[in-house]
Amino acid sequence: MSAYNSILQGLNEALAYADDQDVKAHAHHIQVPTVNVAAIRGQTGLSQAQFAKSIGVAKGTLLNWEHGRRQPTGPAQVLLAMLEKNPSLVSDLLSA
């Protein structure tokens, strides 16, 4: 099957799935846990400014997360969940 036909088939399956039609496609639902940003930052031993810079967000964004005014989503939520399990992850990767 060509790449074009494979992509077209996938798109058609996605449309059918969205219309609640019976398709052979499998939906994977991944639950990313909510995170306590302040506690995770505390585990790293970094200041707010250092931590924000290390994960590529503005310090104001970090403050909003830590004070509960906003919640991290998408890639930031995944990265923070990973840091919760391995607080030195970013520094280990960036120091190489």
PDB file of N, CA and C in Angstrom:
ATOM      1  N   MET A   1       0.855  -1.169   0.000  1.00  0.00           N
ATOM      2  CA  MET A   1       0.000   0.000   0.000  1.00  0.00           C
ATOM      3  C   MET A   1       0.906   1.239   0.000  1.00  0.00           C
ATOM      4  N   SER A   2       0.583   2.211  -0.824  1.00  0.00           N
ATOM      5  CA  SER A   2       1.378   3.434  -0.888  1.00  0.00           C
ATOM      6  C   SER A   2       1.127   4.285   0.353  1.00  0.00           C
ATOM      7  N   ALA A   3       2.038   5.206   0.612  1.00  0.00           N
ATOM      8  CA  ALA A   3       1.886   6.099   1.763  1.00  0.00           C
ATOM      9  C   ALA A   3       0.593   6.904   1.630  1.00  0.00           C
ATOM     10  N   TYR A   4       0.305   7.358   0.420  1.00  0.00           N
ATOM     11  CA  TYR A   4      -0.923   8.134   0.190  1.00  0.00           C
ATOM     12  C   TYR A   4      -2.155   7.312   0.549  1.00  0.00           C
ATOM     13  N   ASN A   5      -2.217   6.073   0.050  1.00  0.00           N
ATOM     14  CA  ASN A   5      -3.378   5.225   0.316  1.00  0.00           C
ATOM     15  C   ASN A   5      -3.504   4.893   1.797  1.00  0.00           C
ATOM     16  N   SER A   6      -2.368   4.699   2.464  1.00  0.00           N
ATOM     17  CA  SER A   6      -2.383   4.416   3.895  1.00  0.00           C
ATOM     18  C   SER A   6      -2.930   5.602   4.690  1.00  0.00           C
ATOM     19  N   ILE A   7      -2.479   6.795   4.328  1.00  0.00           N
ATOM     20  CA  ILE A   7      -2.967   8.004   5.003  1.00  0.00           C
ATOM     21  C   ILE A   7      -4.447   8.209   4.729  1.00  0.00           C
ATOM     22  N   LEU A   8      -4.850   8.013   3.470  1.00  0.00           N
ATOM     23  CA  LEU A   8      -6.261   8.170   3.104  1.00  0.00           C
ATOM     24  C   LEU A   8      -7.130   7.182   3.867  1.00  0.00           C
ATOM     25  N   GLN A   9      -6.668   5.932   3.977  1.00  0.00           N
ATOM     26  CA  GLN A   9      -7.414   4.928   4.723  1.00  0.00           C
ATOM     27  C   GLN A   9      -7.549   5.346   6.188  1.00  0.00           C
ATOM     28  N   GLY A  10      -6.462   5.834   6.765  1.00  0.00           N
ATOM     29  CA  GLY A  10      -6.502   6.276   8.152  1.00  0.00           C
ATOM     30  C   GLY A  10      -7.464   7.433   8.372  1.00  0.00           C
ATOM     31  N   LEU A  11      -7.454   8.373   7.444  1.00  0.00           N
ATOM     32  CA  LEU A  11      -8.378   9.504   7.554  1.00  0.00           C
ATOM     33  C   LEU A  11      -9.830   9.049   7.445  1.00  0.00           C
ATOM     34  N   ASN A  12     -10.095   8.142   6.521  1.00  0.00           N
ATOM     35  CA  ASN A  12     -11.459   7.627   6.378  1.00  0.00           C
ATOM     36  C   ASN A  12     -11.895   6.866   7.622  1.00  0.00           C
ATOM     37  N   GLU A  13     -10.986   6.093   8.213  1.00  0.00           N
ATOM     38  CA  GLU A  13     -11.311   5.387   9.456  1.00  0.00           C
ATOM     39  C   GLU A  13     -11.578   6.371  10.592  1.00  0.00           C
ATOM     40  N   ALA A  14     -10.797   7.447  10.649  1.00  0.00           N
ATOM     41  CA  ALA A  14     -10.992   8.456  11.696  1.00  0.00           C
ATOM     42  C   ALA A  14     -12.348   9.127  11.547  1.00  0.00           C
ATOM     43  N   LEU A  15     -12.727   9.442  10.323  1.00  0.00           N
ATOM     44  CA  LEU A  15     -14.045  10.054  10.083  1.00  0.00           C
ATOM     45  C   LEU A  15     -15.168   9.090  10.460  1.00  0.00           C
ATOM     46  N   ALA A  16     -15.017   7.833  10.095  1.00  0.00           N
ATOM     47  CA  ALA A  16     -16.031   6.840  10.434  1.00  0.00           C
ATOM     48  C   ALA A  16     -16.128   6.680  11.954  1.00  0.00           C
ATOM     49  N   TYR A  17     -14.978   6.652  12.632  1.00  0.00           N
ATOM     50  CA  TYR A  17     -14.966   6.525  14.092  1.00  0.00           C
ATOM     51  C   TYR A  17     -15.653   7.728  14.736  1.00  0.00           C
ATOM     52  N   ALA A  18     -15.371   8.929  14.201  1.00  0.00           N
ATOM     53  CA  ALA A  18     -15.986  10.144  14.743  1.00  0.00           C
ATOM     54  C   ALA A  18     -17.498  10.131  14.554  1.00  0.00           C
ATOM     55  N   ASP A  19     -17.971   9.438  13.516  1.00  0.00           N
ATOM     56  CA  ASP A  19     -19.414   9.331  13.266  1.00  0.00           C
ATOM     57  C   ASP A  19     -20.036   8.125  13.972  1.00  0.00           C
ATOM     58  N   ASP A  20     -19.298   7.529  14.889  1.00  0.00           N
ATOM     59  CA  ASP A  20     -19.752   6.363  15.662  1.00  0.00           C
ATOM     60  C   ASP A  20     -20.076   5.158  14.793  1.00  0.00           C
ATOM     61  N   GLN A  21     -19.396   5.043  13.663  1.00  0.00           N
ATOM     62  CA  GLN A  21     -19.569   3.864  12.817  1.00  0.00           C
ATOM     63  C   GLN A  21     -18.653   2.757  13.336  1.00  0.00           C
ATOM     64  N   ASP A  22     -19.027   1.539  13.056  1.00  0.00           N
ATOM     65  CA  ASP A  22     -18.227   0.396  13.481  1.00  0.00           C
ATOM     66  C   ASP A  22     -17.009   0.285  12.572  1.00  0.00           C
ATOM     67  N   VAL A  23     -15.839   0.531  13.123  1.00  0.00           N
ATOM     68  CA  VAL A  23     -14.591   0.452  12.351  1.00  0.00           C
ATOM     69  C   VAL A  23     -13.614  -0.448  13.088  1.00  0.00           C
ATOM     70  N   LYS A  24     -12.601  -0.898  12.366  1.00  0.00           N
ATOM     71  CA  LYS A  24     -11.602  -1.779  12.968  1.00  0.00           C
ATOM     72  C   LYS A  24     -10.507  -1.004  13.699  1.00  0.00           C
ATOM     73  N   ALA A  25     -10.587   0.305  13.670  1.00  0.00           N
ATOM     74  CA  ALA A  25      -9.569   1.132  14.310  1.00  0.00           C
ATOM     75  C   ALA A  25      -9.673   1.016  15.826  1.00  0.00           C
ATOM     76  N   HIS A  26      -8.547   1.194  16.488  1.00  0.00           N
ATOM     77  CA  HIS A  26      -8.504   1.153  17.955  1.00  0.00           C
ATOM     78  C   HIS A  26      -8.200   2.552  18.471  1.00  0.00           C
ATOM     79  N   ALA A  27      -8.983   2.990  19.436  1.00  0.00           N
ATOM     80  CA  ALA A  27      -8.739   4.284  20.066  1.00  0.00           C
ATOM     81  C   ALA A  27      -7.962   4.051  21.358  1.00  0.00           C
ATOM     82  N   HIS A  28      -6.893   4.798  21.534  1.00  0.00           N
ATOM     83  CA  HIS A  28      -6.091   4.708  22.743  1.00  0.00           C
ATOM     84  C   HIS A  28      -6.320   5.963  23.567  1.00  0.00           C
ATOM     85  N   HIS A  29      -6.758   5.793  24.777  1.00  0.00           N
ATOM     86  CA  HIS A  29      -7.014   6.910  25.673  1.00  0.00           C
ATOM     87  C   HIS A  29      -5.948   6.882  26.763  1.00  0.00           C
ATOM     88  N   ILE A  30      -5.144   7.932  26.793  1.00  0.00           N
ATOM     89  CA  ILE A  30      -4.062   8.008  27.764  1.00  0.00           C
ATOM     90  C   ILE A  30      -4.407   9.075  28.787  1.00  0.00           C
ATOM     91  N   GLN A  31      -4.393   8.690  30.025  1.00  0.00           N
ATOM     92  CA  GLN A  31      -4.698   9.620  31.107  1.00  0.00           C
ATOM     93  C   GLN A  31      -3.390  10.139  31.700  1.00  0.00           C
ATOM     94  N   VAL A  32      -3.109  11.406  31.489  1.00  0.00           N
ATOM     95  CA  VAL A  32      -1.925  12.020  32.082  1.00  0.00           C
ATOM     96  C   VAL A  32      -2.346  12.581  33.438  1.00  0.00           C
ATOM     97  N   PRO A  33      -1.638  12.222  34.493  1.00  0.00           N
ATOM     98  CA  PRO A  33      -2.061  12.661  35.820  1.00  0.00           C
ATOM     99  C   PRO A  33      -1.901  14.165  36.013  1.00  0.00           C
ATOM    100  N   THR A  34      -2.756  14.719  36.873  1.00  0.00           N
ATOM    101  CA  THR A  34      -2.557  16.111  37.259  1.00  0.00           C
ATOM    102  C   THR A  34      -1.304  16.169  38.119  1.00  0.00           C
ATOM    103  N   VAL A  35      -0.641  17.287  38.085  1.00  0.00           N
ATOM    104  CA  VAL A  35       0.645  17.396  38.768  1.00  0.00           C
ATOM    105  C   VAL A  35       0.655  18.579  39.726  1.00  0.00           C
ATOM    106  N   ASN A  36       1.449  18.447  40.779  1.00  0.00           N
ATOM    107  CA  ASN A  36       1.674  19.528  41.727  1.00  0.00           C
ATOM    108  C   ASN A  36       2.987  20.196  41.309  1.00  0.00           C
ATOM    109  N   VAL A  37       2.883  21.275  40.570  1.00  0.00           N
ATOM    110  CA  VAL A  37       4.050  21.906  39.964  1.00  0.00           C
ATOM    111  C   VAL A  37       5.030  22.402  41.023  1.00  0.00           C
ATOM    112  N   ALA A  38       4.529  23.005  42.079  1.00  0.00           N
ATOM    113  CA  ALA A  38       5.417  23.521  43.124  1.00  0.00           C
ATOM    114  C   ALA A  38       6.209  22.388  43.772  1.00  0.00           C
ATOM    115  N   ALA A  39       5.558  21.266  44.019  1.00  0.00           N
ATOM    116  CA  ALA A  39       6.249  20.123  44.635  1.00  0.00           C
ATOM    117  C   ALA A  39       7.301  19.550  43.682  1.00  0.00           C
ATOM    118  N   ILE A  40       6.969  19.488  42.409  1.00  0.00           N
ATOM    119  CA  ILE A  40       7.924  18.970  41.432  1.00  0.00           C
ATOM    120  C   ILE A  40       9.139  19.888  41.345  1.00  0.00           C
ATOM    121  N   ARG A  41       8.891  21.194  41.300  1.00  0.00           N
ATOM    122  CA  ARG A  41      10.000  22.147  41.257  1.00  0.00           C
ATOM    123  C   ARG A  41      10.843  22.012  42.521  1.00  0.00           C
ATOM    124  N   GLY A  42      10.193  21.821  43.658  1.00  0.00           N
ATOM    125  CA  GLY A  42      10.908  21.647  44.917  1.00  0.00           C
ATOM    126  C   GLY A  42      11.833  20.437  44.893  1.00  0.00           C
ATOM    127  N   GLN A  43      11.394  19.368  44.229  1.00  0.00           N
ATOM    128  CA  GLN A  43      12.231  18.165  44.124  1.00  0.00           C
ATOM    129  C   GLN A  43      13.490  18.429  43.298  1.00  0.00           C
ATOM    130  N   THR A  44      13.412  19.366  42.361  1.00  0.00           N
ATOM    131  CA  THR A  44      14.574  19.654  41.517  1.00  0.00           C
ATOM    132  C   THR A  44      15.580  20.544  42.225  1.00  0.00           C
ATOM    133  N   GLY A  45      15.128  21.292  43.245  1.00  0.00           N
ATOM    134  CA  GLY A  45      16.010  22.210  43.956  1.00  0.00           C
ATOM    135  C   GLY A  45      16.272  23.504  43.197  1.00  0.00           C
ATOM    136  N   LEU A  46      15.505  23.757  42.141  1.00  0.00           N
ATOM    137  CA  LEU A  46      15.703  24.967  41.340  1.00  0.00           C
ATOM    138  C   LEU A  46      14.788  26.088  41.799  1.00  0.00           C
ATOM    139  N   SER A  47      15.218  27.316  41.579  1.00  0.00           N
ATOM    140  CA  SER A  47      14.361  28.474  41.839  1.00  0.00           C
ATOM    141  C   SER A  47      13.266  28.499  40.774  1.00  0.00           C
ATOM    142  N   GLN A  48      12.269  29.338  40.989  1.00  0.00           N
ATOM    143  CA  GLN A  48      11.204  29.448  39.991  1.00  0.00           C
ATOM    144  C   GLN A  48      11.765  29.872  38.638  1.00  0.00           C
ATOM    145  N   ALA A  49      12.643  30.851  38.627  1.00  0.00           N
ATOM    146  CA  ALA A  49      13.214  31.336  37.366  1.00  0.00           C
ATOM    147  C   ALA A  49      14.036  30.245  36.686  1.00  0.00           C
ATOM    148  N   GLN A  50      14.843  29.533  37.451  1.00  0.00           N
ATOM    149  CA  GLN A  50      15.673  28.466  36.885  1.00  0.00           C
ATOM    150  C   GLN A  50      14.807  27.329  36.333  1.00  0.00           C
ATOM    151  N   PHE A  51      13.794  26.945  37.100  1.00  0.00           N
ATOM    152  CA  PHE A  51      12.934  25.842  36.682  1.00  0.00           C
ATOM    153  C   PHE A  51      12.159  26.218  35.424  1.00  0.00           C
ATOM    154  N   ALA A  52      11.590  27.427  35.407  1.00  0.00           N
ATOM    155  CA  ALA A  52      10.837  27.871  34.232  1.00  0.00           C
ATOM    156  C   ALA A  52      11.723  27.846  32.993  1.00  0.00           C
ATOM    157  N   LYS A  53      12.943  28.355  33.134  1.00  0.00           N
ATOM    158  CA  LYS A  53      13.867  28.369  31.999  1.00  0.00           C
ATOM    159  C   LYS A  53      14.217  26.950  31.563  1.00  0.00           C
ATOM    160  N   SER A  54      14.400  26.055  32.516  1.00  0.00           N
ATOM    161  CA  SER A  54      14.819  24.688  32.182  1.00  0.00           C
ATOM    162  C   SER A  54      13.754  23.918  31.406  1.00  0.00           C
ATOM    163  N   ILE A  55      12.463  24.255  31.626  1.00  0.00           N
ATOM    164  CA  ILE A  55      11.405  23.549  30.903  1.00  0.00           C
ATOM    165  C   ILE A  55      10.827  24.385  29.764  1.00  0.00           C
ATOM    166  N   GLY A  56      11.396  25.572  29.558  1.00  0.00           N
ATOM    167  CA  GLY A  56      11.014  26.375  28.403  1.00  0.00           C
ATOM    168  C   GLY A  56       9.696  27.111  28.508  1.00  0.00           C
ATOM    169  N   VAL A  57       9.347  27.560  29.709  1.00  0.00           N
ATOM    170  CA  VAL A  57       8.131  28.359  29.885  1.00  0.00           C
ATOM    171  C   VAL A  57       8.483  29.672  30.573  1.00  0.00           C
ATOM    172  N   ALA A  58       7.623  30.634  30.431  1.00  0.00           N
ATOM    173  CA  ALA A  58       7.816  31.920  31.093  1.00  0.00           C
ATOM    174  C   ALA A  58       7.628  31.749  32.602  1.00  0.00           C
ATOM    175  N   LYS A  59       8.335  32.563  33.367  1.00  0.00           N
ATOM    176  CA  LYS A  59       8.211  32.487  34.824  1.00  0.00           C
ATOM    177  C   LYS A  59       6.770  32.767  35.248  1.00  0.00           C
ATOM    178  N   GLY A  60       6.095  33.673  34.568  1.00  0.00           N
ATOM    179  CA  GLY A  60       4.696  33.972  34.878  1.00  0.00           C
ATOM    180  C   GLY A  60       3.792  32.761  34.692  1.00  0.00           C
ATOM    181  N   THR A  61       4.074  31.980  33.665  1.00  0.00           N
ATOM    182  CA  THR A  61       3.308  30.750  33.436  1.00  0.00           C
ATOM    183  C   THR A  61       3.508  29.788  34.596  1.00  0.00           C
ATOM    184  N   LEU A  62       4.758  29.633  35.003  1.00  0.00           N
ATOM    185  CA  LEU A  62       5.067  28.758  36.138  1.00  0.00           C
ATOM    186  C   LEU A  62       4.348  29.234  37.399  1.00  0.00           C
ATOM    187  N   LEU A  63       4.375  30.537  37.641  1.00  0.00           N
ATOM    188  CA  LEU A  63       3.695  31.080  38.822  1.00  0.00           C
ATOM    189  C   LEU A  63       2.197  30.783  38.774  1.00  0.00           C
ATOM    190  N   ASN A  64       1.588  30.927  37.601  1.00  0.00           N
ATOM    191  CA  ASN A  64       0.157  30.617  37.466  1.00  0.00           C
ATOM    192  C   ASN A  64      -0.125  29.151  37.767  1.00  0.00           C
ATOM    193  N   TRP A  65       0.769  28.278  37.323  1.00  0.00           N
ATOM    194  CA  TRP A  65       0.603  26.850  37.618  1.00  0.00           C
ATOM    195  C   TRP A  65       0.754  26.590  39.113  1.00  0.00           C
ATOM    196  N   GLU A  66       1.772  27.158  39.706  1.00  0.00           N
ATOM    197  CA  GLU A  66       2.032  26.892  41.124  1.00  0.00           C
ATOM    198  C   GLU A  66       0.932  27.446  42.022  1.00  0.00           C
ATOM    199  N   HIS A  67       0.312  28.539  41.634  1.00  0.00           N
ATOM    200  CA  HIS A  67      -0.736  29.153  42.445  1.00  0.00           C
ATOM    201  C   HIS A  67      -2.127  28.639  42.084  1.00  0.00           C
ATOM    202  N   GLY A  68      -2.205  27.691  41.143  1.00  0.00           N
ATOM    203  CA  GLY A  68      -3.480  27.078  40.799  1.00  0.00           C
ATOM    204  C   GLY A  68      -4.386  27.918  39.926  1.00  0.00           C
ATOM    205  N   ARG A  69      -3.881  29.015  39.399  1.00  0.00           N
ATOM    206  CA  ARG A  69      -4.707  29.842  38.518  1.00  0.00           C
ATOM    207  C   ARG A  69      -4.875  29.195  37.149  1.00  0.00           C
ATOM    208  N   ARG A  70      -3.917  28.384  36.772  1.00  0.00           N
ATOM    209  CA  ARG A  70      -3.951  27.641  35.506  1.00  0.00           C
ATOM    210  C   ARG A  70      -3.358  26.266  35.742  1.00  0.00           C
ATOM    211  N   GLN A  71      -3.649  25.355  34.831  1.00  0.00           N
ATOM    212  CA  GLN A  71      -3.092  24.010  34.891  1.00  0.00           C
ATOM    213  C   GLN A  71      -2.284  23.744  33.628  1.00  0.00           C
ATOM    214  N   PRO A  72      -1.128  23.114  33.759  1.00  0.00           N
ATOM    215  CA  PRO A  72      -0.368  22.773  32.562  1.00  0.00           C
ATOM    216  C   PRO A  72      -1.145  21.758  31.728  1.00  0.00           C
ATOM    217  N   THR A  73      -1.022  21.869  30.419  1.00  0.00           N
ATOM    218  CA  THR A  73      -1.694  20.943  29.514  1.00  0.00           C
ATOM    219  C   THR A  73      -0.709  20.469  28.452  1.00  0.00           C
ATOM    220  N   GLY A  74      -1.120  19.483  27.710  1.00  0.00           N
ATOM    221  CA  GLY A  74      -0.342  19.008  26.568  1.00  0.00           C
ATOM    222  C   GLY A  74       1.061  18.583  26.939  1.00  0.00           C
ATOM    223  N   PRO A  75       2.041  18.975  26.112  1.00  0.00           N
ATOM    224  CA  PRO A  75       3.428  18.558  26.345  1.00  0.00           C
ATOM    225  C   PRO A  75       3.974  19.002  27.702  1.00  0.00           C
ATOM    226  N   ALA A  76       3.557  20.171  28.178  1.00  0.00           N
ATOM    227  CA  ALA A  76       4.038  20.637  29.483  1.00  0.00           C
ATOM    228  C   ALA A  76       3.562  19.713  30.593  1.00  0.00           C
ATOM    229  N   GLN A  77       2.330  19.259  30.510  1.00  0.00           N
ATOM    230  CA  GLN A  77       1.788  18.352  31.525  1.00  0.00           C
ATOM    231  C   GLN A  77       2.543  17.027  31.505  1.00  0.00           C
ATOM    232  N   VAL A  78       2.835  16.529  30.315  1.00  0.00           N
ATOM    233  CA  VAL A  78       3.577  15.271  30.194  1.00  0.00           C
ATOM    234  C   VAL A  78       4.991  15.434  30.750  1.00  0.00           C
ATOM    235  N   LEU A  79       5.665  16.532  30.376  1.00  0.00           N
ATOM    236  CA  LEU A  79       7.023  16.774  30.868  1.00  0.00           C
ATOM    237  C   LEU A  79       7.039  16.864  32.391  1.00  0.00           C
ATOM    238  N   LEU A  80       6.089  17.563  32.960  1.00  0.00           N
ATOM    239  CA  LEU A  80       6.037  17.699  34.423  1.00  0.00           C
ATOM    240  C   LEU A  80       5.758  16.354  35.095  1.00  0.00           C
ATOM    241  N   ALA A  81       4.911  15.531  34.490  1.00  0.00           N
ATOM    242  CA  ALA A  81       4.658  14.193  35.050  1.00  0.00           C
ATOM    243  C   ALA A  81       5.936  13.356  35.009  1.00  0.00           C
ATOM    244  N   MET A  82       6.734  13.510  33.948  1.00  0.00           N
ATOM    245  CA  MET A  82       8.003  12.797  33.853  1.00  0.00           C
ATOM    246  C   MET A  82       8.993  13.310  34.900  1.00  0.00           C
ATOM    247  N   LEU A  83       9.013  14.624  35.112  1.00  0.00           N
ATOM    248  CA  LEU A  83       9.904  15.208  36.112  1.00  0.00           C
ATOM    249  C   LEU A  83       9.517  14.785  37.527  1.00  0.00           C
ATOM    250  N   GLU A  84       8.233  14.547  37.733  1.00  0.00           N
ATOM    251  CA  GLU A  84       7.784  14.096  39.045  1.00  0.00           C
ATOM    252  C   GLU A  84       8.410  12.733  39.376  1.00  0.00           C
ATOM    253  N   LYS A  85       8.561  11.893  38.361  1.00  0.00           N
ATOM    254  CA  LYS A  85       9.151  10.573  38.556  1.00  0.00           C
ATOM    255  C   LYS A  85      10.677  10.609  38.543  1.00  0.00           C
ATOM    256  N   ASN A  86      11.245  11.562  37.796  1.00  0.00           N
ATOM    257  CA  ASN A  86      12.703  11.681  37.692  1.00  0.00           C
ATOM    258  C   ASN A  86      13.080  13.159  37.682  1.00  0.00           C
ATOM    259  N   PRO A  87      13.232  13.792  38.865  1.00  0.00           N
ATOM    260  CA  PRO A  87      13.466  15.233  38.945  1.00  0.00           C
ATOM    261  C   PRO A  87      14.726  15.724  38.225  1.00  0.00           C
ATOM    262  N   SER A  88      15.679  14.857  37.983  1.00  0.00           N
ATOM    263  CA  SER A  88      16.908  15.312  37.305  1.00  0.00           C
ATOM    264  C   SER A  88      16.854  15.104  35.798  1.00  0.00           C
ATOM    265  N   LEU A  89      15.713  14.700  35.277  1.00  0.00           N
ATOM    266  CA  LEU A  89      15.578  14.373  33.856  1.00  0.00           C
ATOM    267  C   LEU A  89      16.051  15.496  32.939  1.00  0.00           C
ATOM    268  N   VAL A  90      15.550  16.699  33.122  1.00  0.00           N
ATOM    269  CA  VAL A  90      15.896  17.811  32.235  1.00  0.00           C
ATOM    270  C   VAL A  90      17.363  18.160  32.365  1.00  0.00           C
ATOM    271  N   SER A  91      17.869  18.272  33.575  1.00  0.00           N
ATOM    272  CA  SER A  91      19.275  18.629  33.738  1.00  0.00           C
ATOM    273  C   SER A  91      20.195  17.548  33.182  1.00  0.00           C
ATOM    274  N   ASP A  92      19.810  16.282  33.337  1.00  0.00           N
ATOM    275  CA  ASP A  92      20.608  15.187  32.778  1.00  0.00           C
ATOM    276  C   ASP A  92      20.655  15.269  31.263  1.00  0.00           C
ATOM    277  N   LEU A  93      19.524  15.544  30.649  1.00  0.00           N
ATOM    278  CA  LEU A  93      19.460  15.608  29.191  1.00  0.00           C
ATOM    279  C   LEU A  93      20.161  16.842  28.630  1.00  0.00           C
ATOM    280  N   LEU A  94      20.017  17.962  29.305  1.00  0.00           N
ATOM    281  CA  LEU A  94      20.591  19.199  28.796  1.00  0.00           C
ATOM    282  C   LEU A  94      22.085  19.330  29.076  1.00  0.00           C
ATOM    283  N   SER A  95      22.592  18.576  30.022  1.00  0.00           N
ATOM    284  CA  SER A  95      24.014  18.685  30.359  1.00  0.00           C
ATOM    285  C   SER A  95      24.896  17.820  29.453  1.00  0.00           C
ATOM    286  N   ALA A  96      24.278  16.970  28.671  1.00  0.00           N
ATOM    287  CA  ALA A  96      25.044  16.062  27.795  1.00  0.00           C
ATOM    288  C   ALA A  96      25.680  16.794  26.632  1.00  0.00           C
TER     289      ALA A  96
END
